[in-house]
Structure formats: structure tokens, C-alpha cells
């Protein structure tokens, strides 16, 4: 695993997260879904639950990937998710997850944090 820049690291991590989700029974509805200046990395569904997923990938252990999902980032995700639900006219259960990936020395670990944060979807 040699990466040229952080964008390449992020793209690799998102592809890995999609594969992980599909292997665990999720259906991928959208990837890199944009709404104005907001982006949702992965929107997936498992049974009656629609899951909005932020993927964070790191190649160092300086900071846990999950720590990069700040309150501000959570607010952006919530806003984008609200818009998505309204746009698609969905009536469903919603959850916000984080997939944290650390890649070092040719190996990687994936941590899937379900219900990483919560806010009421309107």
C-alpha cells in the first residue's frame, strides 16, 4: 500500500469500506453523495435502516481516524442527510456510522462504529 497523497488514501479507504459493508449485508445506495458543499461518503441500507457513513482513513497513529469527525463535521452530515431523506421522500429509520481505517506497513484495520452520533432527522 503506497499512497501518493491523502486524497488517494481516502479513496482507497472508501472503496475498502464499501467492500466491508457489502460483505456484511449492506446495500450501497450512494457513494460520495454531494449536496452543496457537503458530502456523505457512503449511504447504505440494511433491512429497514438507512445508514449515513463517514469513512476516515489514516496511515499514521498520530490521531485516531474517528477523532477527525468533529461536531462541525457531524452537523454537516446531519444537514446533508436531512436533505437526502427529503429529496428521496424516504420514510425510514436512520443511523449515523463511522468507519475508521488505519493502514500501516502493508496491513490495515477496520473499525465500524454504529450509532457514532445521533440527531433527530426532520
PDB file of N, CA and C in Angstrom:
ATOM      1  N   UNK A   1       0.833  -1.186   0.000  1.00  0.00           N
ATOM      2  CA  UNK A   1       0.000   0.000   0.000  1.00  0.00           C
ATOM      3  C   UNK A   1       0.874   1.245   0.000  1.00  0.00           C
ATOM      4  N   UNK A   2       1.145   1.760  -1.142  1.00  0.00           N
ATOM      5  CA  UNK A   2       1.873   3.015  -1.269  1.00  0.00           C
ATOM      6  C   UNK A   2       0.903   4.070  -1.767  1.00  0.00           C
ATOM      7  N   UNK A   3       0.847   5.203  -1.087  1.00  0.00           N
ATOM      8  CA  UNK A   3      -0.081   6.272  -1.455  1.00  0.00           C
ATOM      9  C   UNK A   3       0.699   7.526  -1.809  1.00  0.00           C
ATOM     10  N   UNK A   4       0.222   8.223  -2.823  1.00  0.00           N
ATOM     11  CA  UNK A   4       0.861   9.459  -3.259  1.00  0.00           C
ATOM     12  C   UNK A   4       0.446  10.649  -2.392  1.00  0.00           C
ATOM     13  N   UNK A   5      -0.828  10.668  -1.976  1.00  0.00           N
ATOM     14  CA  UNK A   5      -1.330  11.801  -1.198  1.00  0.00           C
ATOM     15  C   UNK A   5      -2.547  11.378  -0.374  1.00  0.00           C
ATOM     16  N   UNK A   6      -3.061  12.312   0.416  1.00  0.00           N
ATOM     17  CA  UNK A   6      -4.175  11.995   1.310  1.00  0.00           C
ATOM     18  C   UNK A   6      -5.457  11.691   0.536  1.00  0.00           C
ATOM     19  N   UNK A   7      -5.637  12.304  -0.634  1.00  0.00           N
ATOM     20  CA  UNK A   7      -6.829  12.018  -1.443  1.00  0.00           C
ATOM     21  C   UNK A   7      -6.825  10.553  -1.877  1.00  0.00           C
ATOM     22  N   UNK A   8      -5.662  10.055  -2.260  1.00  0.00           N
ATOM     23  CA  UNK A   8      -5.540   8.658  -2.663  1.00  0.00           C
ATOM     24  C   UNK A   8      -5.812   7.728  -1.474  1.00  0.00           C
ATOM     25  N   UNK A   9      -5.322   8.101  -0.306  1.00  0.00           N
ATOM     26  CA  UNK A   9      -5.581   7.326   0.912  1.00  0.00           C
ATOM     27  C   UNK A   9      -7.086   7.268   1.170  1.00  0.00           C
ATOM     28  N   UNK A  10      -7.745   8.425   1.080  1.00  0.00           N
ATOM     29  CA  UNK A  10      -9.187   8.496   1.330  1.00  0.00           C
ATOM     30  C   UNK A  10      -9.990   7.669   0.345  1.00  0.00           C
ATOM     31  N   UNK A  11      -9.640   7.740  -0.932  1.00  0.00           N
ATOM     32  CA  UNK A  11     -10.357   6.969  -1.956  1.00  0.00           C
ATOM     33  C   UNK A  11     -10.193   5.471  -1.721  1.00  0.00           C
ATOM     34  N   UNK A  12      -8.975   5.057  -1.392  1.00  0.00           N
ATOM     35  CA  UNK A  12      -8.715   3.651  -1.103  1.00  0.00           C
ATOM     36  C   UNK A  12      -9.556   3.201   0.097  1.00  0.00           C
ATOM     37  N   UNK A  13      -9.574   4.019   1.144  1.00  0.00           N
ATOM     38  CA  UNK A  13     -10.341   3.680   2.344  1.00  0.00           C
ATOM     39  C   UNK A  13     -11.831   3.569   2.070  1.00  0.00           C
ATOM     40  N   UNK A  14     -12.357   4.458   1.245  1.00  0.00           N
ATOM     41  CA  UNK A  14     -13.789   4.410   0.926  1.00  0.00           C
ATOM     42  C   UNK A  14     -14.132   3.148   0.131  1.00  0.00           C
ATOM     43  N   UNK A  15     -13.273   2.750  -0.795  1.00  0.00           N
ATOM     44  CA  UNK A  15     -13.509   1.505  -1.553  1.00  0.00           C
ATOM     45  C   UNK A  15     -13.467   0.297  -0.604  1.00  0.00           C
ATOM     46  N   UNK A  16     -12.514   0.301   0.310  1.00  0.00           N
ATOM     47  CA  UNK A  16     -12.396  -0.772   1.285  1.00  0.00           C
ATOM     48  C   UNK A  16     -13.635  -0.822   2.187  1.00  0.00           C
ATOM     49  N   UNK A  17     -14.118   0.340   2.602  1.00  0.00           N
ATOM     50  CA  UNK A  17     -15.310   0.411   3.450  1.00  0.00           C
ATOM     51  C   UNK A  17     -16.540  -0.116   2.711  1.00  0.00           C
ATOM     52  N   UNK A  18     -16.680   0.225   1.426  1.00  0.00           N
ATOM     53  CA  UNK A  18     -17.808  -0.281   0.633  1.00  0.00           C
ATOM     54  C   UNK A  18     -17.788  -1.800   0.583  1.00  0.00           C
ATOM     55  N   UNK A  19     -16.620  -2.360   0.320  1.00  0.00           N
ATOM     56  CA  UNK A  19     -16.479  -3.816   0.252  1.00  0.00           C
ATOM     57  C   UNK A  19     -16.843  -4.444   1.599  1.00  0.00           C
ATOM     58  N   UNK A  20     -16.336  -3.852   2.674  1.00  0.00           N
ATOM     59  CA  UNK A  20     -16.628  -4.339   4.026  1.00  0.00           C
ATOM     60  C   UNK A  20     -18.146  -4.329   4.281  1.00  0.00           C
ATOM     61  N   UNK A  21     -18.799  -3.227   3.929  1.00  0.00           N
ATOM     62  CA  UNK A  21     -20.240  -3.112   4.158  1.00  0.00           C
ATOM     63  C   UNK A  21     -21.014  -4.159   3.356  1.00  0.00           C
ATOM     64  N   UNK A  22     -20.676  -4.301   2.077  1.00  0.00           N
ATOM     65  CA  UNK A  22     -21.362  -5.281   1.235  1.00  0.00           C
ATOM     66  C   UNK A  22     -21.176  -6.694   1.784  1.00  0.00           C
ATOM     67  N   UNK A  23     -19.994  -6.998   2.260  1.00  0.00           N
ATOM     68  CA  UNK A  23     -19.729  -8.319   2.840  1.00  0.00           C
ATOM     69  C   UNK A  23     -20.510  -8.540   4.134  1.00  0.00           C
ATOM     70  N   UNK A  24     -20.967  -7.459   4.733  1.00  0.00           N
ATOM     71  CA  UNK A  24     -21.715  -7.546   5.989  1.00  0.00           C
ATOM     72  C   UNK A  24     -23.199  -7.259   5.812  1.00  0.00           C
ATOM     73  N   UNK A  25     -23.702  -7.451   4.585  1.00  0.00           N
ATOM     74  CA  UNK A  25     -25.144  -7.404   4.350  1.00  0.00           C
ATOM     75  C   UNK A  25     -25.749  -6.050   4.042  1.00  0.00           C
ATOM     76  N   UNK A  26     -24.930  -5.041   3.800  1.00  0.00           N
ATOM     77  CA  UNK A  26     -25.439  -3.723   3.454  1.00  0.00           C
ATOM     78  C   UNK A  26     -25.564  -3.593   1.940  1.00  0.00           C
ATOM     79  N   UNK A  27     -26.555  -2.829   1.499  1.00  0.00           N
ATOM     80  CA  UNK A  27     -26.696  -2.460   0.102  1.00  0.00           C
ATOM     81  C   UNK A  27     -26.233  -1.018  -0.023  1.00  0.00           C
ATOM     82  N   UNK A  28     -25.313  -0.752  -0.922  1.00  0.00           N
ATOM     83  CA  UNK A  28     -24.811   0.609  -1.122  1.00  0.00           C
ATOM     84  C   UNK A  28     -25.807   1.372  -1.987  1.00  0.00           C
ATOM     85  N   UNK A  29     -26.334   2.475  -1.460  1.00  0.00           N
ATOM     86  CA  UNK A  29     -27.279   3.306  -2.205  1.00  0.00           C
ATOM     87  C   UNK A  29     -26.562   4.429  -2.952  1.00  0.00           C
ATOM     88  N   UNK A  30     -25.575   5.027  -2.309  1.00  0.00           N
ATOM     89  CA  UNK A  30     -24.834   6.157  -2.899  1.00  0.00           C
ATOM     90  C   UNK A  30     -23.406   6.151  -2.351  1.00  0.00           C
ATOM     91  N   UNK A  31     -22.495   6.672  -3.144  1.00  0.00           N
ATOM     92  CA  UNK A  31     -21.145   6.940  -2.655  1.00  0.00           C
ATOM     93  C   UNK A  31     -20.774   8.355  -3.053  1.00  0.00           C
ATOM     94  N   UNK A  32     -20.057   9.022  -2.187  1.00  0.00           N
ATOM     95  CA  UNK A  32     -19.619  10.404  -2.410  1.00  0.00           C
ATOM     96  C   UNK A  32     -20.767  11.285  -2.879  1.00  0.00           C
ATOM     97  N   UNK A  33     -21.868  11.224  -2.135  1.00  0.00           N
ATOM     98  CA  UNK A  33     -23.071  11.990  -2.476  1.00  0.00           C
ATOM     99  C   UNK A  33     -22.888  13.439  -2.022  1.00  0.00           C
ATOM    100  N   UNK A  34     -23.067  14.361  -2.954  1.00  0.00           N
ATOM    101  CA  UNK A  34     -22.855  15.787  -2.676  1.00  0.00           C
ATOM    102  C   UNK A  34     -24.158  16.560  -2.599  1.00  0.00           C
ATOM    103  N   UNK A  35     -24.160  17.506  -1.694  1.00  0.00           N
ATOM    104  CA  UNK A  35     -25.259  18.454  -1.538  1.00  0.00           C
ATOM    105  C   UNK A  35     -24.596  19.781  -1.184  1.00  0.00           C
ATOM    106  N   UNK A  36     -24.542  20.682  -2.139  1.00  0.00           N
ATOM    107  CA  UNK A  36     -23.851  21.949  -1.926  1.00  0.00           C
ATOM    108  C   UNK A  36     -22.388  21.653  -1.572  1.00  0.00           C
ATOM    109  N   UNK A  37     -21.906  22.163  -0.463  1.00  0.00           N
ATOM    110  CA  UNK A  37     -20.517  21.935  -0.053  1.00  0.00           C
ATOM    111  C   UNK A  37     -20.390  20.753   0.931  1.00  0.00           C
ATOM    112  N   UNK A  38     -21.469  20.001   1.062  1.00  0.00           N
ATOM    113  CA  UNK A  38     -21.483  18.866   1.988  1.00  0.00           C
ATOM    114  C   UNK A  38     -21.357  17.561   1.202  1.00  0.00           C
ATOM    115  N   UNK A  39     -20.723  16.577   1.818  1.00  0.00           N
ATOM    116  CA  UNK A  39     -20.587  15.271   1.175  1.00  0.00           C
ATOM    117  C   UNK A  39     -20.820  14.172   2.197  1.00  0.00           C
ATOM    118  N   UNK A  40     -21.519  13.137   1.749  1.00  0.00           N
ATOM    119  CA  UNK A  40     -21.676  11.928   2.548  1.00  0.00           C
ATOM    120  C   UNK A  40     -20.889  10.851   1.830  1.00  0.00           C
ATOM    121  N   UNK A  41     -19.948  10.233   2.533  1.00  0.00           N
ATOM    122  CA  UNK A  41     -19.075   9.246   1.901  1.00  0.00           C
ATOM    123  C   UNK A  41     -19.861   8.055   1.360  1.00  0.00           C
ATOM    124  N   UNK A  42     -20.676   7.451   2.214  1.00  0.00           N
ATOM    125  CA  UNK A  42     -21.453   6.279   1.803  1.00  0.00           C
ATOM    126  C   UNK A  42     -22.848   6.361   2.422  1.00  0.00           C
ATOM    127  N   UNK A  43     -23.842   6.088   1.599  1.00  0.00           N
ATOM    128  CA  UNK A  43     -25.209   5.918   2.089  1.00  0.00           C
ATOM    129  C   UNK A  43     -25.564   4.472   1.768  1.00  0.00           C
ATOM    130  N   UNK A  44     -25.917   3.734   2.809  1.00  0.00           N
ATOM    131  CA  UNK A  44     -26.190   2.308   2.641  1.00  0.00           C
ATOM    132  C   UNK A  44     -27.502   1.956   3.334  1.00  0.00           C
ATOM    133  N   UNK A  45     -27.976   0.769   3.018  1.00  0.00           N
ATOM    134  CA  UNK A  45     -29.188   0.291   3.660  1.00  0.00           C
ATOM    135  C   UNK A  45     -28.978  -1.133   4.121  1.00  0.00           C
ATOM    136  N   UNK A  46     -29.498  -1.406   5.307  1.00  0.00           N
ATOM    137  CA  UNK A  46     -29.509  -2.775   5.833  1.00  0.00           C
ATOM    138  C   UNK A  46     -30.872  -2.974   6.460  1.00  0.00           C
ATOM    139  N   UNK A  47     -31.625  -3.874   5.864  1.00  0.00           N
ATOM    140  CA  UNK A  47     -33.010  -4.107   6.266  1.00  0.00           C
ATOM    141  C   UNK A  47     -33.762  -2.784   6.158  1.00  0.00           C
ATOM    142  N   UNK A  48     -34.416  -2.315   7.216  1.00  0.00           N
ATOM    143  CA  UNK A  48     -35.200  -1.076   7.115  1.00  0.00           C
ATOM    144  C   UNK A  48     -34.406   0.166   7.537  1.00  0.00           C
ATOM    145  N   UNK A  49     -33.117  -0.003   7.776  1.00  0.00           N
ATOM    146  CA  UNK A  49     -32.277   1.095   8.266  1.00  0.00           C
ATOM    147  C   UNK A  49     -31.464   1.708   7.122  1.00  0.00           C
ATOM    148  N   UNK A  50     -31.556   3.036   6.998  1.00  0.00           N
ATOM    149  CA  UNK A  50     -30.680   3.754   6.077  1.00  0.00           C
ATOM    150  C   UNK A  50     -29.539   4.317   6.918  1.00  0.00           C
ATOM    151  N   UNK A  51     -28.320   4.039   6.468  1.00  0.00           N
ATOM    152  CA  UNK A  51     -27.142   4.379   7.264  1.00  0.00           C
ATOM    153  C   UNK A  51     -26.274   5.366   6.489  1.00  0.00           C
ATOM    154  N   UNK A  52     -25.992   6.497   7.127  1.00  0.00           N
ATOM    155  CA  UNK A  52     -25.106   7.513   6.570  1.00  0.00           C
ATOM    156  C   UNK A  52     -23.735   7.292   7.210  1.00  0.00           C
ATOM    157  N   UNK A  53     -22.742   7.064   6.359  1.00  0.00           N
ATOM    158  CA  UNK A  53     -21.448   6.607   6.863  1.00  0.00           C
ATOM    159  C   UNK A  53     -20.331   7.565   6.478  1.00  0.00           C
ATOM    160  N   UNK A  54     -19.593   7.985   7.472  1.00  0.00           N
ATOM    161  CA  UNK A  54     -18.384   8.784   7.276  1.00  0.00           C
ATOM    162  C   UNK A  54     -17.202   7.826   7.379  1.00  0.00           C
ATOM    163  N   UNK A  55     -16.347   7.854   6.369  1.00  0.00           N
ATOM    164  CA  UNK A  55     -15.172   6.984   6.347  1.00  0.00           C
ATOM    165  C   UNK A  55     -13.942   7.843   6.611  1.00  0.00           C
ATOM    166  N   UNK A  56     -13.148   7.433   7.577  1.00  0.00           N
ATOM    167  CA  UNK A  56     -11.892   8.130   7.886  1.00  0.00           C
ATOM    168  C   UNK A  56     -10.757   7.122   7.811  1.00  0.00           C
ATOM    169  N   UNK A  57      -9.762   7.444   6.998  1.00  0.00           N
ATOM    170  CA  UNK A  57      -8.622   6.556   6.797  1.00  0.00           C
ATOM    171  C   UNK A  57      -7.344   7.295   7.149  1.00  0.00           C
ATOM    172  N   UNK A  58      -6.473   6.623   7.873  1.00  0.00           N
ATOM    173  CA  UNK A  58      -5.190   7.212   8.260  1.00  0.00           C
ATOM    174  C   UNK A  58      -4.071   6.208   8.011  1.00  0.00           C
ATOM    175  N   UNK A  59      -2.879   6.733   7.772  1.00  0.00           N
ATOM    176  CA  UNK A  59      -1.698   5.882   7.607  1.00  0.00           C
ATOM    177  C   UNK A  59      -0.732   6.058   8.770  1.00  0.00           C
ATOM    178  N   UNK A  60      -1.145   6.835   9.752  1.00  0.00           N
ATOM    179  CA  UNK A  60      -0.345   7.004  10.965  1.00  0.00           C
ATOM    180  C   UNK A  60      -1.253   6.805  12.168  1.00  0.00           C
ATOM    181  N   UNK A  61      -0.658   6.659  13.326  1.00  0.00           N
ATOM    182  CA  UNK A  61      -1.449   6.529  14.544  1.00  0.00           C
ATOM    183  C   UNK A  61      -1.385   7.805  15.377  1.00  0.00           C
ATOM    184  N   UNK A  62      -0.974   8.899  14.734  1.00  0.00           N
ATOM    185  CA  UNK A  62      -0.887  10.185  15.412  1.00  0.00           C
ATOM    186  C   UNK A  62      -2.235  10.572  16.013  1.00  0.00           C
ATOM    187  N   UNK A  63      -3.299  10.366  15.250  1.00  0.00           N
ATOM    188  CA  UNK A  63      -4.641  10.686  15.715  1.00  0.00           C
ATOM    189  C   UNK A  63      -5.570   9.588  15.225  1.00  0.00           C
ATOM    190  N   UNK A  64      -6.467   9.134  16.071  1.00  0.00           N
ATOM    191  CA  UNK A  64      -7.442   8.140  15.657  1.00  0.00           C
ATOM    192  C   UNK A  64      -8.313   8.735  14.553  1.00  0.00           C
ATOM    193  N   UNK A  65      -8.608   7.966  13.523  1.00  0.00           N
ATOM    194  CA  UNK A  65      -9.464   8.494  12.451  1.00  0.00           C
ATOM    195  C   UNK A  65     -10.807   9.008  12.954  1.00  0.00           C
ATOM    196  N   UNK A  66     -11.386   8.305  13.922  1.00  0.00           N
ATOM    197  CA  UNK A  66     -12.694   8.703  14.441  1.00  0.00           C
ATOM    198  C   UNK A  66     -12.653  10.099  15.070  1.00  0.00           C
ATOM    199  N   UNK A  67     -11.510  10.498  15.601  1.00  0.00           N
ATOM    200  CA  UNK A  67     -11.384  11.813  16.226  1.00  0.00           C
ATOM    201  C   UNK A  67     -11.475  12.951  15.209  1.00  0.00           C
ATOM    202  N   UNK A  68     -11.349  12.623  13.927  1.00  0.00           N
ATOM    203  CA  UNK A  68     -11.451  13.639  12.884  1.00  0.00           C
ATOM    204  C   UNK A  68     -12.906  13.980  12.544  1.00  0.00           C
ATOM    205  N   UNK A  69     -13.846  13.235  13.101  1.00  0.00           N
ATOM    206  CA  UNK A  69     -15.263  13.526  12.866  1.00  0.00           C
ATOM    207  C   UNK A  69     -15.724  14.466  13.974  1.00  0.00           C
ATOM    208  N   UNK A  70     -15.452  15.733  13.755  1.00  0.00           N
ATOM    209  CA  UNK A  70     -15.738  16.775  14.734  1.00  0.00           C
ATOM    210  C   UNK A  70     -17.238  17.076  14.816  1.00  0.00           C
ATOM    211  N   UNK A  71     -17.612  17.855  15.799  1.00  0.00           N
ATOM    212  CA  UNK A  71     -19.010  18.294  15.933  1.00  0.00           C
ATOM    213  C   UNK A  71     -19.430  19.043  14.668  1.00  0.00           C
ATOM    214  N   UNK A  72     -18.563  19.882  14.130  1.00  0.00           N
ATOM    215  CA  UNK A  72     -18.873  20.606  12.894  1.00  0.00           C
ATOM    216  C   UNK A  72     -19.129  19.641  11.739  1.00  0.00           C
ATOM    217  N   UNK A  73     -18.295  18.608  11.602  1.00  0.00           N
ATOM    218  CA  UNK A  73     -18.477  17.604  10.548  1.00  0.00           C
ATOM    219  C   UNK A  73     -19.787  16.859  10.758  1.00  0.00           C
ATOM    220  N   UNK A  74     -20.115  16.537  12.003  1.00  0.00           N
ATOM    221  CA  UNK A  74     -21.374  15.862  12.297  1.00  0.00           C
ATOM    222  C   UNK A  74     -22.559  16.721  11.875  1.00  0.00           C
ATOM    223  N   UNK A  75     -22.496  18.012  12.137  1.00  0.00           N
ATOM    224  CA  UNK A  75     -23.584  18.921  11.744  1.00  0.00           C
ATOM    225  C   UNK A  75     -23.754  18.957  10.227  1.00  0.00           C
ATOM    226  N   UNK A  76     -22.641  18.974   9.501  1.00  0.00           N
ATOM    227  CA  UNK A  76     -22.705  18.948   8.037  1.00  0.00           C
ATOM    228  C   UNK A  76     -23.342  17.647   7.541  1.00  0.00           C
ATOM    229  N   UNK A  77     -22.945  16.529   8.148  1.00  0.00           N
ATOM    230  CA  UNK A  77     -23.519  15.228   7.771  1.00  0.00           C
ATOM    231  C   UNK A  77     -25.019  15.175   8.059  1.00  0.00           C
ATOM    232  N   UNK A  78     -25.410  15.691   9.202  1.00  0.00           N
ATOM    233  CA  UNK A  78     -26.829  15.704   9.567  1.00  0.00           C
ATOM    234  C   UNK A  78     -27.638  16.550   8.596  1.00  0.00           C
ATOM    235  N   UNK A  79     -27.111  17.692   8.238  1.00  0.00           N
ATOM    236  CA  UNK A  79     -27.783  18.577   7.294  1.00  0.00           C
ATOM    237  C   UNK A  79     -27.929  17.903   5.928  1.00  0.00           C
ATOM    238  N   UNK A  80     -26.866  17.297   5.450  1.00  0.00           N
ATOM    239  CA  UNK A  80     -26.908  16.614   4.160  1.00  0.00           C
ATOM    240  C   UNK A  80     -27.876  15.424   4.215  1.00  0.00           C
ATOM    241  N   UNK A  81     -27.864  14.678   5.314  1.00  0.00           N
ATOM    242  CA  UNK A  81     -28.762  13.536   5.461  1.00  0.00           C
ATOM    243  C   UNK A  81     -30.223  13.987   5.469  1.00  0.00           C
ATOM    244  N   UNK A  82     -30.515  15.078   6.165  1.00  0.00           N
ATOM    245  CA  UNK A  82     -31.869  15.631   6.159  1.00  0.00           C
ATOM    246  C   UNK A  82     -32.315  15.929   4.734  1.00  0.00           C
ATOM    247  N   UNK A  83     -31.443  16.572   3.990  1.00  0.00           N
ATOM    248  CA  UNK A  83     -31.762  16.931   2.606  1.00  0.00           C
ATOM    249  C   UNK A  83     -31.981  15.666   1.770  1.00  0.00           C
ATOM    250  N   UNK A  84     -31.124  14.686   1.919  1.00  0.00           N
ATOM    251  CA  UNK A  84     -31.231  13.432   1.164  1.00  0.00           C
ATOM    252  C   UNK A  84     -32.573  12.746   1.435  1.00  0.00           C
ATOM    253  N   UNK A  85     -32.935  12.637   2.704  1.00  0.00           N
ATOM    254  CA  UNK A  85     -34.193  11.987   3.096  1.00  0.00           C
ATOM    255  C   UNK A  85     -35.384  12.710   2.470  1.00  0.00           C
ATOM    256  N   UNK A  86     -35.375  14.039   2.522  1.00  0.00           N
ATOM    257  CA  UNK A  86     -36.471  14.816   1.931  1.00  0.00           C
ATOM    258  C   UNK A  86     -36.488  14.680   0.415  1.00  0.00           C
ATOM    259  N   UNK A  87     -35.320  14.770  -0.214  1.00  0.00           N
ATOM    260  CA  UNK A  87     -35.207  14.675  -1.663  1.00  0.00           C
ATOM    261  C   UNK A  87     -35.732  13.336  -2.178  1.00  0.00           C
ATOM    262  N   UNK A  88     -35.405  12.268  -1.485  1.00  0.00           N
ATOM    263  CA  UNK A  88     -35.801  10.915  -1.895  1.00  0.00           C
ATOM    264  C   UNK A  88     -37.170  10.517  -1.348  1.00  0.00           C
ATOM    265  N   UNK A  89     -37.779  11.428  -0.577  1.00  0.00           N
ATOM    266  CA  UNK A  89     -39.099  11.173   0.022  1.00  0.00           C
ATOM    267  C   UNK A  89     -39.121   9.830   0.765  1.00  0.00           C
ATOM    268  N   UNK A  90     -38.119   9.644   1.597  1.00  0.00           N
ATOM    269  CA  UNK A  90     -37.972   8.389   2.335  1.00  0.00           C
ATOM    270  C   UNK A  90     -38.644   8.482   3.702  1.00  0.00           C
ATOM    271  N   UNK A  91     -39.215   7.385   4.106  1.00  0.00           N
ATOM    272  CA  UNK A  91     -39.755   7.241   5.451  1.00  0.00           C
ATOM    273  C   UNK A  91     -39.072   6.009   6.026  1.00  0.00           C
ATOM    274  N   UNK A  92     -38.016   6.224   6.795  1.00  0.00           N
ATOM    275  CA  UNK A  92     -37.186   5.103   7.215  1.00  0.00           C
ATOM    276  C   UNK A  92     -36.481   5.408   8.530  1.00  0.00           C
ATOM    277  N   UNK A  93     -35.938   4.369   9.114  1.00  0.00           N
ATOM    278  CA  UNK A  93     -35.071   4.523  10.268  1.00  0.00           C
ATOM    279  C   UNK A  93     -33.702   4.957   9.759  1.00  0.00           C
ATOM    280  N   UNK A  94     -33.039   5.817  10.523  1.00  0.00           N
ATOM    281  CA  UNK A  94     -31.762   6.392  10.098  1.00  0.00           C
ATOM    282  C   UNK A  94     -30.727   6.187  11.192  1.00  0.00           C
ATOM    283  N   UNK A  95     -29.486   5.955  10.741  1.00  0.00           N
ATOM    284  CA  UNK A  95     -28.379   5.809  11.679  1.00  0.00           C
ATOM    285  C   UNK A  95     -27.144   6.476  11.074  1.00  0.00           C
ATOM    286  N   UNK A  96     -26.267   6.967  11.941  1.00  0.00           N
ATOM    287  CA  UNK A  96     -25.012   7.583  11.509  1.00  0.00           C
ATOM    288  C   UNK A  96     -23.856   6.760  12.048  1.00  0.00           C
ATOM    289  N   UNK A  97     -23.052   6.227  11.127  1.00  0.00           N
ATOM    290  CA  UNK A  97     -21.916   5.386  11.498  1.00  0.00           C
ATOM    291  C   UNK A  97     -20.611   6.024  11.042  1.00  0.00           C
ATOM    292  N   UNK A  98     -19.544   5.570  11.638  1.00  0.00           N
ATOM    293  CA  UNK A  98     -18.197   5.944  11.194  1.00  0.00           C
ATOM    294  C   UNK A  98     -17.439   4.651  10.942  1.00  0.00           C
ATOM    295  N   UNK A  99     -16.754   4.604   9.811  1.00  0.00           N
ATOM    296  CA  UNK A  99     -15.826   3.502   9.563  1.00  0.00           C
ATOM    297  C   UNK A  99     -14.429   4.096   9.622  1.00  0.00           C
ATOM    298  N   UNK A 100     -13.657   3.583  10.550  1.00  0.00           N
ATOM    299  CA  UNK A 100     -12.298   4.047  10.809  1.00  0.00           C
ATOM    300  C   UNK A 100     -11.317   2.997  10.282  1.00  0.00           C
ATOM    301  N   UNK A 101     -10.404   3.447   9.418  1.00  0.00           N
ATOM    302  CA  UNK A 101      -9.423   2.531   8.831  1.00  0.00           C
ATOM    303  C   UNK A 101      -8.020   3.071   9.113  1.00  0.00           C
ATOM    304  N   UNK A 102      -7.174   2.205   9.630  1.00  0.00           N
ATOM    305  CA  UNK A 102      -5.764   2.547   9.829  1.00  0.00           C
ATOM    306  C   UNK A 102      -4.947   1.580   8.989  1.00  0.00           C
ATOM    307  N   UNK A 103      -4.145   2.137   8.067  1.00  0.00           N
ATOM    308  CA  UNK A 103      -3.304   1.326   7.179  1.00  0.00           C
ATOM    309  C   UNK A 103      -1.844   1.637   7.476  1.00  0.00           C
ATOM    310  N   UNK A 104      -1.107   0.585   7.838  1.00  0.00           N
ATOM    311  CA  UNK A 104       0.323   0.758   8.150  1.00  0.00           C
ATOM    312  C   UNK A 104       1.088  -0.494   7.781  1.00  0.00           C
ATOM    313  N   UNK A 105       2.230  -0.291   7.192  1.00  0.00           N
ATOM    314  CA  UNK A 105       3.155  -1.385   6.887  1.00  0.00           C
ATOM    315  C   UNK A 105       2.489  -2.529   6.120  1.00  0.00           C
ATOM    316  N   UNK A 106       1.680  -2.184   5.120  1.00  0.00           N
ATOM    317  CA  UNK A 106       1.057  -3.196   4.280  1.00  0.00           C
ATOM    318  C   UNK A 106      -0.141  -3.900   4.896  1.00  0.00           C
ATOM    319  N   UNK A 107      -0.544  -3.506   6.087  1.00  0.00           N
ATOM    320  CA  UNK A 107      -1.701  -4.096   6.747  1.00  0.00           C
ATOM    321  C   UNK A 107      -2.694  -2.994   7.097  1.00  0.00           C
ATOM    322  N   UNK A 108      -3.925  -3.391   7.389  1.00  0.00           N
ATOM    323  CA  UNK A 108      -4.920  -2.401   7.788  1.00  0.00           C
ATOM    324  C   UNK A 108      -5.895  -3.000   8.797  1.00  0.00           C
ATOM    325  N   UNK A 109      -6.516  -2.106   9.553  1.00  0.00           N
ATOM    326  CA  UNK A 109      -7.581  -2.495  10.470  1.00  0.00           C
ATOM    327  C   UNK A 109      -8.803  -1.646  10.158  1.00  0.00           C
ATOM    328  N   UNK A 110      -9.961  -2.252  10.298  1.00  0.00           N
ATOM    329  CA  UNK A 110     -11.234  -1.548  10.090  1.00  0.00           C
ATOM    330  C   UNK A 110     -12.018  -1.605  11.389  1.00  0.00           C
ATOM    331  N   UNK A 111     -12.514  -0.459  11.801  1.00  0.00           N
ATOM    332  CA  UNK A 111     -13.409  -0.396  12.958  1.00  0.00           C
ATOM    333  C   UNK A 111     -14.704   0.253  12.490  1.00  0.00           C
ATOM    334  N   UNK A 112     -15.809  -0.453  12.655  1.00  0.00           N
ATOM    335  CA  UNK A 112     -17.128   0.054  12.267  1.00  0.00           C
ATOM    336  C   UNK A 112     -17.859   0.478  13.537  1.00  0.00           C
ATOM    337  N   UNK A 113     -18.085   1.767  13.660  1.00  0.00           N
ATOM    338  CA  UNK A 113     -18.735   2.312  14.847  1.00  0.00           C
ATOM    339  C   UNK A 113     -20.170   2.655  14.480  1.00  0.00           C
ATOM    340  N   UNK A 114     -21.083   1.805  14.911  1.00  0.00           N
ATOM    341  CA  UNK A 114     -22.501   2.036  14.647  1.00  0.00           C
ATOM    342  C   UNK A 114     -23.044   3.060  15.630  1.00  0.00           C
ATOM    343  N   UNK A 115     -24.027   3.847  15.181  1.00  0.00           N
ATOM    344  CA  UNK A 115     -24.623   4.895  16.036  1.00  0.00           C
ATOM    345  C   UNK A 115     -23.551   5.782  16.622  1.00  0.00           C
ATOM    346  N   UNK A 116     -22.624   6.208  15.783  1.00  0.00           N
ATOM    347  CA  UNK A 116     -21.488   7.018  16.243  1.00  0.00           C
ATOM    348  C   UNK A 116     -21.947   8.366  16.815  1.00  0.00           C
ATOM    349  N   UNK A 117     -23.003   8.877  16.275  1.00  0.00           N
ATOM    350  CA  UNK A 117     -23.612  10.089  16.815  1.00  0.00           C
ATOM    351  C   UNK A 117     -25.074  10.085  16.408  1.00  0.00           C
ATOM    352  N   UNK A 118     -25.849  10.922  17.072  1.00  0.00           N
ATOM    353  CA  UNK A 118     -27.288  10.889  16.850  1.00  0.00           C
ATOM    354  C   UNK A 118     -27.826  12.309  16.791  1.00  0.00           C
ATOM    355  N   UNK A 119     -28.780  12.485  15.936  1.00  0.00           N
ATOM    356  CA  UNK A 119     -29.579  13.704  15.920  1.00  0.00           C
ATOM    357  C   UNK A 119     -30.875  13.389  15.217  1.00  0.00           C
ATOM    358  N   UNK A 120     -31.886  14.105  15.582  1.00  0.00           N
ATOM    359  CA  UNK A 120     -33.199  13.847  15.010  1.00  0.00           C
ATOM    360  C   UNK A 120     -33.259  14.335  13.558  1.00  0.00           C
ATOM    361  N   UNK A 121     -33.644  13.442  12.670  1.00  0.00           N
ATOM    362  CA  UNK A 121     -33.874  13.792  11.272  1.00  0.00           C
ATOM    363  C   UNK A 121     -35.291  14.349  11.189  1.00  0.00           C
ATOM    364  N   UNK A 122     -35.408  15.489  10.538  1.00  0.00           N
ATOM    365  CA  UNK A 122     -36.740  16.116  10.427  1.00  0.00           C
ATOM    366  C   UNK A 122     -37.322  15.869   9.058  1.00  0.00           C
TER     367      UNK A 122
END
